Protein backbone atom coordinates (compact mmCIF):
# COMPACT_ATOMS: atom_id res chain seq x y z
CA MET A 1 151.69 96.38 180.62
CA THR A 2 149.59 96.64 177.45
CA ARG A 3 149.51 100.03 175.72
CA VAL A 4 146.14 100.99 174.14
CA ALA A 5 146.60 103.45 171.05
CA VAL A 6 143.93 105.98 171.14
CA ILE A 7 143.23 107.61 167.57
CA GLN A 8 141.76 111.04 167.95
CA PRO A 9 139.43 112.48 165.22
CA ASP A 10 140.64 115.45 163.20
CA ILE A 11 137.59 117.38 164.01
CA THR A 12 135.04 116.74 167.04
CA LEU A 13 131.75 118.70 167.03
CA SER A 14 129.37 118.60 170.09
CA LEU A 15 125.53 119.45 168.68
CA ASP A 16 122.30 119.99 169.77
CA TRP A 17 119.34 118.19 168.56
CA GLU A 18 118.88 120.77 165.70
CA GLY A 19 122.38 120.51 164.51
CA VAL A 20 124.13 123.88 166.17
CA ILE A 21 127.46 123.56 167.24
CA ARG A 22 127.92 123.76 171.05
CA ASP A 23 131.64 122.65 171.12
CA ALA A 24 134.52 122.16 168.68
CA SER A 25 138.05 120.69 169.08
CA LEU A 26 140.73 119.90 166.45
CA SER A 27 143.54 117.67 166.54
CA ASP A 28 147.29 118.38 166.05
CA ALA A 29 146.66 117.48 162.07
CA ILE A 30 144.99 120.95 161.66
CA PRO A 31 146.93 123.35 163.65
CA SER A 32 146.55 127.07 163.82
CA GLU A 33 142.63 127.02 163.42
CA ARG A 34 140.67 129.05 165.63
CA VAL A 35 137.04 127.38 165.75
CA GLN A 36 135.57 129.24 168.81
CA GLU A 37 133.64 131.25 166.09
CA TRP A 38 131.50 128.31 165.21
CA LEU A 39 130.11 127.94 168.78
CA GLY A 40 126.52 128.62 168.45
CA ARG A 41 126.16 128.41 164.71
CA PRO A 42 124.31 125.84 162.71
CA TRP A 43 126.85 123.22 161.53
CA MET A 44 125.31 123.77 157.82
CA GLU A 45 126.50 127.11 157.88
CA THR A 46 130.22 126.16 158.16
CA VAL A 47 130.13 123.93 155.10
CA GLY A 48 129.89 124.53 151.40
CA GLU A 49 126.37 125.00 149.93
CA ILE A 50 126.11 121.69 148.41
CA ALA A 51 127.39 119.96 151.52
CA GLY A 52 124.59 121.62 153.77
CA LEU A 53 122.20 118.87 152.62
CA GLN A 54 124.81 116.03 153.48
CA VAL A 55 124.95 117.76 156.86
CA ARG A 56 120.97 117.94 157.34
CA ARG A 57 120.90 114.17 156.21
CA MET A 58 123.71 113.12 158.91
CA VAL A 59 121.91 115.08 161.66
CA GLU A 60 118.40 113.55 160.65
CA ASP A 61 119.87 110.10 160.45
CA ALA A 62 121.56 110.46 163.79
CA ARG A 63 118.24 111.42 165.53
CA ALA A 64 116.41 108.73 164.13
CA SER A 65 118.52 105.82 164.16
CA GLY A 66 121.49 106.65 166.48
CA VAL A 67 124.13 106.80 164.00
CA SER A 68 124.54 108.23 160.23
CA ALA A 69 126.49 107.11 157.25
CA TYR A 70 130.01 108.51 156.39
CA LEU A 71 129.68 111.46 154.17
CA GLN A 72 132.46 113.58 152.54
CA VAL A 73 131.83 117.56 152.84
CA THR A 74 133.97 120.32 152.28
CA GLN A 75 134.44 122.02 155.85
CA ARG A 76 135.06 125.88 155.65
CA PHE A 77 137.40 127.20 158.49
CA PRO A 78 136.89 130.87 159.83
CA SER A 79 140.50 131.77 158.30
CA GLY A 80 139.23 130.59 154.77
CA LEU A 81 140.71 127.28 154.63
CA GLU A 82 138.70 124.57 152.97
CA LEU A 83 139.31 120.97 153.62
CA PRO A 84 137.60 117.69 152.50
CA ILE A 85 136.34 116.14 155.47
CA GLU A 86 134.59 112.49 156.07
CA TYR A 87 132.02 112.94 158.94
CA THR A 88 129.73 110.53 160.82
CA THR A 89 127.21 111.58 163.33
CA VAL A 90 126.30 109.61 166.63
CA ARG A 91 123.45 110.33 169.01
CA LEU A 92 124.57 110.63 172.57
CA GLY A 93 122.31 109.29 175.36
CA GLY A 94 119.49 110.97 176.95
CA GLN A 95 119.00 114.44 175.71
CA ALA A 96 122.70 115.04 175.41
CA GLY A 97 122.66 115.61 171.90
CA LEU A 98 124.74 114.89 168.82
CA ILE A 99 128.52 114.45 168.35
CA ALA A 100 129.90 114.63 164.85
CA VAL A 101 133.49 113.10 164.25
CA GLY A 102 135.60 113.91 161.01
CA LYS A 103 138.56 112.70 159.26
CA ASN A 104 140.85 114.93 157.03
CA LEU A 105 140.78 113.56 153.51
CA GLN A 106 143.34 115.88 152.13
CA ALA A 107 146.22 113.56 152.24
CA VAL A 108 143.89 110.77 150.41
CA ALA A 109 142.90 113.55 147.77
CA GLU A 110 146.59 114.40 147.14
CA LEU A 111 147.39 110.76 146.63
CA GLN A 112 144.39 110.30 144.44
CA SER A 113 145.36 113.44 142.28
CA ARG A 114 148.91 112.00 142.08
CA LEU A 115 147.53 108.54 141.01
CA VAL A 116 145.49 110.09 138.23
CA ALA A 117 148.65 112.21 137.18
CA ALA A 118 150.36 109.15 137.12
CA GLN A 119 148.01 107.22 134.93
CA GLN A 120 147.74 110.11 132.48
CA ALA A 121 151.52 110.06 132.10
CA ARG A 122 151.88 106.54 131.79
CA GLU A 123 148.92 106.54 129.08
CA GLN A 124 151.02 109.47 127.26
CA ASP A 125 153.91 107.29 127.49
CA TYR A 126 152.17 104.37 125.87
CA TRP A 127 150.90 106.19 122.81
CA LYS A 128 154.43 107.63 122.42
CA LEU A 129 155.70 104.29 122.47
CA ARG A 130 153.22 103.21 120.04
CA GLU A 131 154.08 106.16 117.79
CA ILE A 132 157.61 105.20 117.82
CA GLU A 133 156.72 101.43 117.19
CA THR A 134 154.77 102.47 114.05
CA ARG A 135 157.39 104.72 112.84
CA SER A 136 159.96 101.95 113.06
CA ARG A 137 157.86 99.45 111.53
CA LEU A 138 157.40 101.84 108.48
CA LEU A 139 161.01 102.56 108.19
CA PHE A 140 161.74 98.63 108.31
CA ASP A 141 159.18 98.01 105.53
CA ALA A 142 160.19 100.78 103.37
CA SER A 143 163.98 100.46 103.72
CA SER A 144 165.85 99.64 100.42
CA GLU A 145 168.54 97.83 102.47
CA ALA A 146 167.83 94.17 103.39
CA VAL A 147 167.29 93.98 107.30
CA LEU A 148 166.59 90.67 109.21
CA VAL A 149 165.30 90.34 112.95
CA ILE A 150 166.81 86.80 114.19
CA ALA A 151 166.37 85.30 117.47
CA ALA A 152 169.53 85.41 119.69
CA SER A 153 168.95 82.00 121.23
CA THR A 154 168.25 79.95 117.91
CA LEU A 155 169.59 82.55 115.09
CA ARG A 156 166.21 81.82 113.24
CA ILE A 157 164.60 84.67 111.26
CA VAL A 158 161.85 86.31 113.15
CA GLU A 159 161.15 89.13 110.85
CA ALA A 160 162.41 89.83 107.18
CA ASN A 161 161.61 93.35 105.23
CA PRO A 162 160.44 93.17 101.67
CA ALA A 163 163.92 94.24 100.57
CA ALA A 164 165.43 90.99 102.20
CA ILE A 165 162.87 88.74 100.83
CA ARG A 166 163.30 90.16 97.24
CA GLU A 167 167.01 90.42 97.41
CA LEU A 168 168.04 87.28 99.40
CA GLY A 169 165.06 85.07 99.19
CA MET A 170 164.94 84.68 103.21
CA ALA A 171 161.83 84.48 105.13
CA PRO A 172 160.74 84.02 108.46
CA GLY A 173 161.34 80.52 110.02
CA TRP A 174 164.62 80.16 108.25
CA ASN A 175 168.04 79.38 110.09
CA PHE A 176 170.00 82.48 109.33
CA SER A 177 173.50 80.67 110.00
CA ASP A 178 172.74 78.04 107.60
CA GLU A 179 172.54 80.62 104.67
CA VAL A 180 176.06 81.88 105.66
CA ALA A 181 178.84 80.13 103.93
CA PRO A 182 180.92 77.58 106.26
CA ARG A 183 184.15 79.65 106.12
CA ASP A 184 182.24 82.74 107.65
CA ARG A 185 180.30 81.24 110.38
CA ALA A 186 183.00 81.56 113.02
CA ALA A 187 183.43 85.24 112.08
CA LEU A 188 179.57 85.87 112.37
CA ARG A 189 179.53 84.03 115.90
CA ASP A 190 182.35 86.44 116.93
CA VAL A 191 180.47 89.13 115.65
CA LEU A 192 177.14 88.19 117.41
CA MET A 193 178.64 87.76 120.59
CA ARG A 194 180.34 91.14 120.32
CA ALA A 195 177.03 92.67 119.81
CA ARG A 196 175.59 90.62 122.80
CA GLU A 197 178.33 92.36 124.98
CA GLN A 198 178.61 95.74 123.65
CA GLY A 199 174.99 96.29 121.94
CA ARG A 200 176.56 96.54 118.32
CA ALA A 201 179.30 95.34 116.37
CA PRO A 202 181.43 96.61 113.41
CA GLY A 203 180.49 95.20 109.93
CA ILE A 204 182.15 92.22 108.35
CA MET A 205 181.99 90.45 105.04
CA VAL A 206 180.01 87.42 104.59
CA HIS A 207 178.92 85.26 101.83
CA LEU A 208 175.35 84.08 101.62
CA GLY A 209 173.42 81.49 99.46
CA ALA A 210 174.26 78.58 97.41
CA ASP A 211 176.24 81.15 95.12
CA GLY A 212 178.22 82.41 97.83
CA THR A 213 177.20 86.23 97.05
CA PRO A 214 179.28 88.64 99.18
CA TRP A 215 177.35 90.98 101.61
CA LEU A 216 178.39 93.46 104.23
CA LEU A 217 176.81 92.39 107.42
CA ARG A 218 176.44 94.64 110.55
CA ALA A 219 174.72 93.46 113.80
CA SER A 220 172.96 95.17 116.97
CA LEU A 221 171.34 93.68 120.05
CA MET A 222 167.59 94.41 120.93
CA ALA A 223 165.35 93.67 123.87
CA ARG A 224 162.26 92.15 123.00
CA THR A 225 159.79 89.57 124.69
CA PRO A 226 160.09 86.47 124.93
CA GLY A 227 163.85 86.95 124.25
CA PRO A 228 166.40 89.12 122.99
CA VAL A 229 166.93 89.44 118.96
CA PHE A 230 169.70 90.51 116.63
CA LEU A 231 168.78 93.32 114.07
CA ILE A 232 171.12 92.18 110.88
CA GLN A 233 171.61 95.00 108.23
CA LEU A 234 172.88 93.56 105.08
CA SER A 235 174.12 95.77 102.20
CA PRO A 236 175.69 94.51 98.98
CA ALA A 237 179.59 94.32 98.99
CA ALA A 238 179.90 94.69 95.10
CA PRO A 239 178.58 97.75 92.97
CA ALA A 240 176.19 95.01 91.09
CA VAL A 241 174.78 92.03 92.97
CA GLN A 242 172.55 89.75 91.43
CA PRO A 243 169.69 88.90 93.86
CA ARG A 244 169.74 85.39 94.88
CA ALA A 245 166.66 83.73 93.32
CA ILE A 246 163.89 81.23 95.03
CA PRO A 247 163.36 78.46 92.87
CA LEU A 248 161.16 79.21 89.66
CA ARG A 249 161.10 83.06 90.67
CA GLY A 250 162.69 84.36 87.49
CA ASP A 251 160.30 82.44 85.38
CA THR A 252 157.97 84.95 83.73
CA LEU A 253 155.65 82.70 82.34
CA LEU A 254 154.72 81.41 85.96
CA GLU A 255 154.26 85.08 87.06
CA ASP A 256 151.85 85.85 84.18
CA MET A 257 150.12 82.54 84.07
CA PRO A 258 146.26 82.94 84.77
CA ASP A 259 146.26 79.93 87.31
CA GLY A 260 147.81 80.50 90.79
CA PHE A 261 151.21 79.06 91.44
CA VAL A 262 153.04 78.95 94.81
CA ALA A 263 156.09 77.27 95.86
CA ILE A 264 156.06 75.83 99.75
CA ASP A 265 158.80 74.22 101.90
CA ALA A 266 158.53 70.49 103.62
CA GLU A 267 156.40 72.46 106.49
CA GLY A 268 153.86 73.83 104.14
CA ALA A 269 155.31 77.22 104.31
CA ILE A 270 154.93 79.73 101.20
CA ARG A 271 158.33 80.78 99.81
CA ARG A 272 156.86 81.93 96.50
CA ALA A 273 153.64 83.24 94.99
CA ASN A 274 152.68 84.55 91.68
CA ARG A 275 150.04 87.45 91.27
CA ALA A 276 146.97 85.10 90.28
CA PHE A 277 147.61 83.33 93.59
CA LEU A 278 147.46 86.77 95.24
CA ASP A 279 144.35 87.51 93.56
CA LEU A 280 142.85 84.33 94.86
CA ALA A 281 143.87 84.77 98.42
CA GLN A 282 143.18 88.23 98.23
CA ALA A 283 146.56 89.30 99.43
CA GLY A 284 148.02 92.79 98.17
CA THR A 285 151.63 91.91 98.09
CA GLU A 286 153.77 88.78 97.97
CA ALA A 287 155.89 89.89 101.00
CA SER A 288 152.73 89.65 103.01
CA ILE A 289 152.33 85.77 102.79
CA ILE A 290 155.88 84.96 102.54
CA GLY A 291 156.35 82.34 105.60
CA GLU A 292 152.84 81.93 106.08
CA LYS A 293 151.28 78.38 106.03
CA LEU A 294 149.35 77.47 102.93
CA ASP A 295 146.57 75.83 104.94
CA ARG A 296 145.62 79.29 106.18
CA TRP A 297 143.56 79.73 103.10
CA LEU A 298 142.60 76.15 102.45
CA ALA A 299 138.84 74.91 103.44
CA GLN A 300 140.39 72.14 106.18
CA PRO A 301 143.36 73.86 107.83
CA GLY A 302 145.75 70.98 108.89
CA MET A 303 143.90 68.23 107.04
CA ASP A 304 144.06 69.58 103.29
CA ILE A 305 147.83 70.24 103.50
CA GLY A 306 148.65 66.98 105.16
CA VAL A 307 146.76 65.12 102.49
CA LEU A 308 148.77 67.11 100.08
CA LEU A 309 152.15 66.51 101.37
CA ASN A 310 151.54 63.09 102.20
CA THR A 311 150.50 62.48 98.48
CA ILE A 312 153.55 64.33 97.08
CA THR A 313 155.78 62.27 99.74
CA GLN A 314 154.41 58.91 98.39
CA HIS A 315 154.01 59.50 94.86
CA GLY A 316 156.16 62.48 94.13
CA GLU A 317 153.28 64.35 92.52
CA VAL A 318 149.58 65.16 93.17
CA ARG A 319 146.76 65.83 90.53
CA LEU A 320 143.51 67.75 90.58
CA PHE A 321 143.20 67.68 94.19
CA PRO A 322 139.65 69.51 95.05
CA THR A 323 139.40 71.95 97.78
CA GLN A 324 137.93 75.25 98.71
CA LEU A 325 140.21 78.28 99.03
CA THR A 326 139.05 81.22 101.45
CA GLY A 327 140.56 84.66 100.69
CA ASN A 328 141.75 87.21 103.31
CA LEU A 329 138.61 89.17 102.61
CA GLY A 330 136.15 86.13 102.97
CA SER A 331 135.52 84.85 99.45
CA GLU A 332 135.30 81.17 99.08
CA ILE A 333 136.37 79.72 95.93
CA GLU A 334 136.37 75.83 94.32
CA VAL A 335 139.84 75.13 93.53
CA GLU A 336 141.95 71.99 91.89
CA ILE A 337 145.53 71.69 92.89
CA SER A 338 148.18 70.02 91.10
CA GLY A 339 152.00 69.84 91.83
CA CYS A 340 155.32 68.11 92.43
CA ALA A 341 158.27 68.25 94.60
CA VAL A 342 161.84 69.18 93.64
CA ASN A 343 165.11 69.14 95.56
CA ARG A 344 167.55 71.87 94.95
CA ASP A 345 170.70 73.05 96.87
CA GLY A 346 169.86 70.37 99.59
CA GLN A 347 166.37 71.90 100.30
CA ARG A 348 163.07 70.30 99.31
CA MET A 349 160.54 72.46 97.61
CA ILE A 350 156.83 71.79 96.34
CA GLY A 351 155.44 73.81 93.47
CA LEU A 352 151.53 73.78 93.16
CA ILE A 353 149.24 74.88 90.59
CA ILE A 354 145.90 76.05 91.91
CA ARG A 355 143.16 76.68 89.44
CA ASP A 356 139.66 78.37 90.32
CA ILE A 357 137.14 75.75 88.84
CA GLY A 358 133.95 77.56 90.46
CA ARG A 359 132.49 78.38 87.16
CA ARG A 360 133.19 74.80 85.81
CA VAL A 361 131.41 73.27 88.80
CA LEU A 362 128.40 75.58 88.10
CA ALA A 363 128.16 75.16 84.48
CA SER A 364 128.49 71.16 84.88
CA GLY A 365 125.62 71.39 87.41
CA GLU A 366 123.48 73.54 84.78
CA ALA A 367 124.25 70.88 81.99
CA ALA A 368 123.13 68.02 84.23
CA ALA A 369 119.99 69.93 84.84
CA LEU A 370 119.25 70.68 81.35
CA ARG A 371 120.28 66.90 80.11
CA THR A 372 117.65 65.64 82.69
CA ALA A 373 115.02 68.16 81.32
CA LEU A 374 115.70 67.00 77.76
CA GLY A 375 115.56 63.37 78.84
CA MET A 376 112.03 64.03 80.25
CA LEU A 377 110.97 65.65 77.01
CA ALA A 378 112.24 62.55 75.19
CA ASN A 379 109.46 60.43 77.33
CA ASP A 380 106.80 62.34 75.21
CA VAL A 381 107.80 60.85 71.73
CA GLY A 382 104.63 59.11 70.58
CA ARG A 383 102.13 60.91 72.81
CA VAL A 384 103.11 64.66 71.77
CA PRO A 385 102.99 65.98 68.21
CA LEU A 386 106.87 66.37 66.76
CA PRO A 387 106.12 70.21 66.27
CA THR A 388 105.05 70.68 69.72
CA MET A 389 108.23 68.58 71.09
CA VAL A 390 110.51 70.88 69.00
CA ARG A 391 108.94 73.95 70.26
CA ASN A 392 109.18 72.97 73.78
CA THR A 393 112.66 71.68 73.44
CA ALA A 394 113.64 75.08 71.94
CA ALA A 395 112.21 76.95 74.76
CA LEU A 396 114.03 74.74 77.08
CA VAL A 397 117.14 75.41 75.62
CA GLU A 398 116.39 79.16 75.08
CA ARG A 399 115.74 79.53 78.82
CA ALA A 400 118.73 77.81 79.69
CA CYS A 401 120.99 79.90 77.72
CA ILE A 402 119.31 83.10 79.06
CA GLU A 403 119.91 81.87 82.52
CA GLN A 404 123.60 81.15 81.83
CA ALA A 405 124.00 84.63 80.24
CA LEU A 406 122.45 86.55 82.90
CA ARG A 407 124.58 84.44 85.70
CA LEU A 408 127.64 85.23 83.83
CA ALA A 409 126.84 88.91 83.57
CA ASN A 410 125.81 89.16 87.35
CA GLY A 411 122.34 89.87 86.61
CA ASN A 412 123.08 92.70 84.07
CA ARG A 413 120.54 92.52 81.46
CA THR A 414 122.30 94.90 78.87
CA ALA A 415 125.42 92.71 79.29
CA ALA A 416 123.28 89.59 78.81
CA ALA A 417 121.49 90.77 76.02
CA ASP A 418 124.60 91.71 74.21
CA ALA A 419 126.31 88.26 74.97
CA LEU A 420 123.14 86.51 73.57
CA GLY A 421 122.86 88.88 70.33
CA LEU A 422 119.59 90.23 71.18
CA SER A 423 118.15 93.57 72.11
CA ARG A 424 117.20 94.73 75.40
CA GLN A 425 113.61 94.56 74.62
CA SER A 426 113.90 91.36 73.03
CA LEU A 427 115.32 89.92 76.28
CA TYR A 428 112.68 91.68 78.49
CA ALA A 429 110.22 89.77 76.15
CA LYS A 430 111.67 86.41 76.70
CA LEU A 431 112.25 86.96 80.57
CA GLU A 432 108.41 87.75 80.75
CA ARG A 433 107.59 84.61 78.51
CA TYR A 434 109.44 82.42 80.74
CA GLU A 435 108.24 84.20 83.88
CA MET A 436 111.68 85.27 85.03
CA GLY A 437 111.24 89.04 85.08
CA GLU A 438 111.11 89.42 88.91
CA ASP A 439 114.15 87.23 89.98
CA ARG A 440 116.35 88.70 87.21
CA GLU A 441 115.17 92.28 88.26
CA ALA A 442 116.62 91.77 91.80
CA ASN A 443 119.69 90.30 90.16
CA GLU A 444 120.11 93.16 88.16
CA ASP A 445 119.95 95.66 91.07
CA ARG A 446 122.25 93.62 93.00
CA GLY A 447 124.62 93.54 89.76
CA ARG A 448 124.63 97.42 89.52
């Protein structure tokens, strides 16, 4: 025998054609409510003020089309209870009137309220985590102790704080175990295994780098996507520990030279950079670019660095390689790159000198234009009197010098006049003579 489940509405109202309640019944979901007081009253009077318009609309729709849309209203009961009810109104046959059936939405409203509260709590937790992450990052960067984050699966350095880069010369991408002396690698494996099992491990003495400098190492395990990592803390084991130098790091001449200098590894990752290169790349600190690929700043990423590395591999050096360097803030500079490769401590390092040739290119173009103009004047020999040719040549050279001075001064006329040994009024007169006033006025405004 098949059983048919009959779902009773929470509220059933029998209405006449004007929307007056003739009968009312409730389901067991709304107990202890006396609705007999509704009988003979318009349905609009038993709901909230705003809901009265929706009740009128449902009654009119049911009379016109036979059934109304589902609308939510606030139903007021004689006891003072107010519940959100979703109604629809249906026209009965003949002159029998209308019937309105409603569903109690209190449970849905409570569920929605809980969902909103859960979303707000989740958002608050998210911002708390972001705040904790920001504080951790600030502590990580500001710590005077060398701190490394290495991948638990490969032992490659994922992050290195500025102190680690400065004191140890280690950068992201390096294999940490290769930096540990062979006699200490077994002890390192034991410490990392203990940290993996217990979350942290006591400190041990390890010797790092080619010079075997002793350091106290502490390790702890951290969860991270895509895989767990070890947090390695390193502190000097002796009162005065000399920092391990990256190749050419201690060369003051390279640090103070006006041309950019970078040391890269065989993959093109930066291991050392002087202040001039930081200015070209528009980078604030050396630590912010250590481990980054050099081709990030070159005009053709992947192509330029490939040509450089192949040339150095084949010939041992590269000379006057032309390219364009783009800074972090968008500046574009024409540069020449020269360099060579060296092998030290079994590691291949490449040193590159990067020179800004933007002004040289500009000056060479102006010189070529000036030579062309002078060549055209030479064609007038025999046709134009010599005094006139001398005046024309002098005017051409004078105009070229004024243009160059204004360009070097970024359009500032006062600075250009000082460079030319002229007063500002004299410069204005010459600009007017050569019809250069309007263009230079715009340049001067931009220079200011």
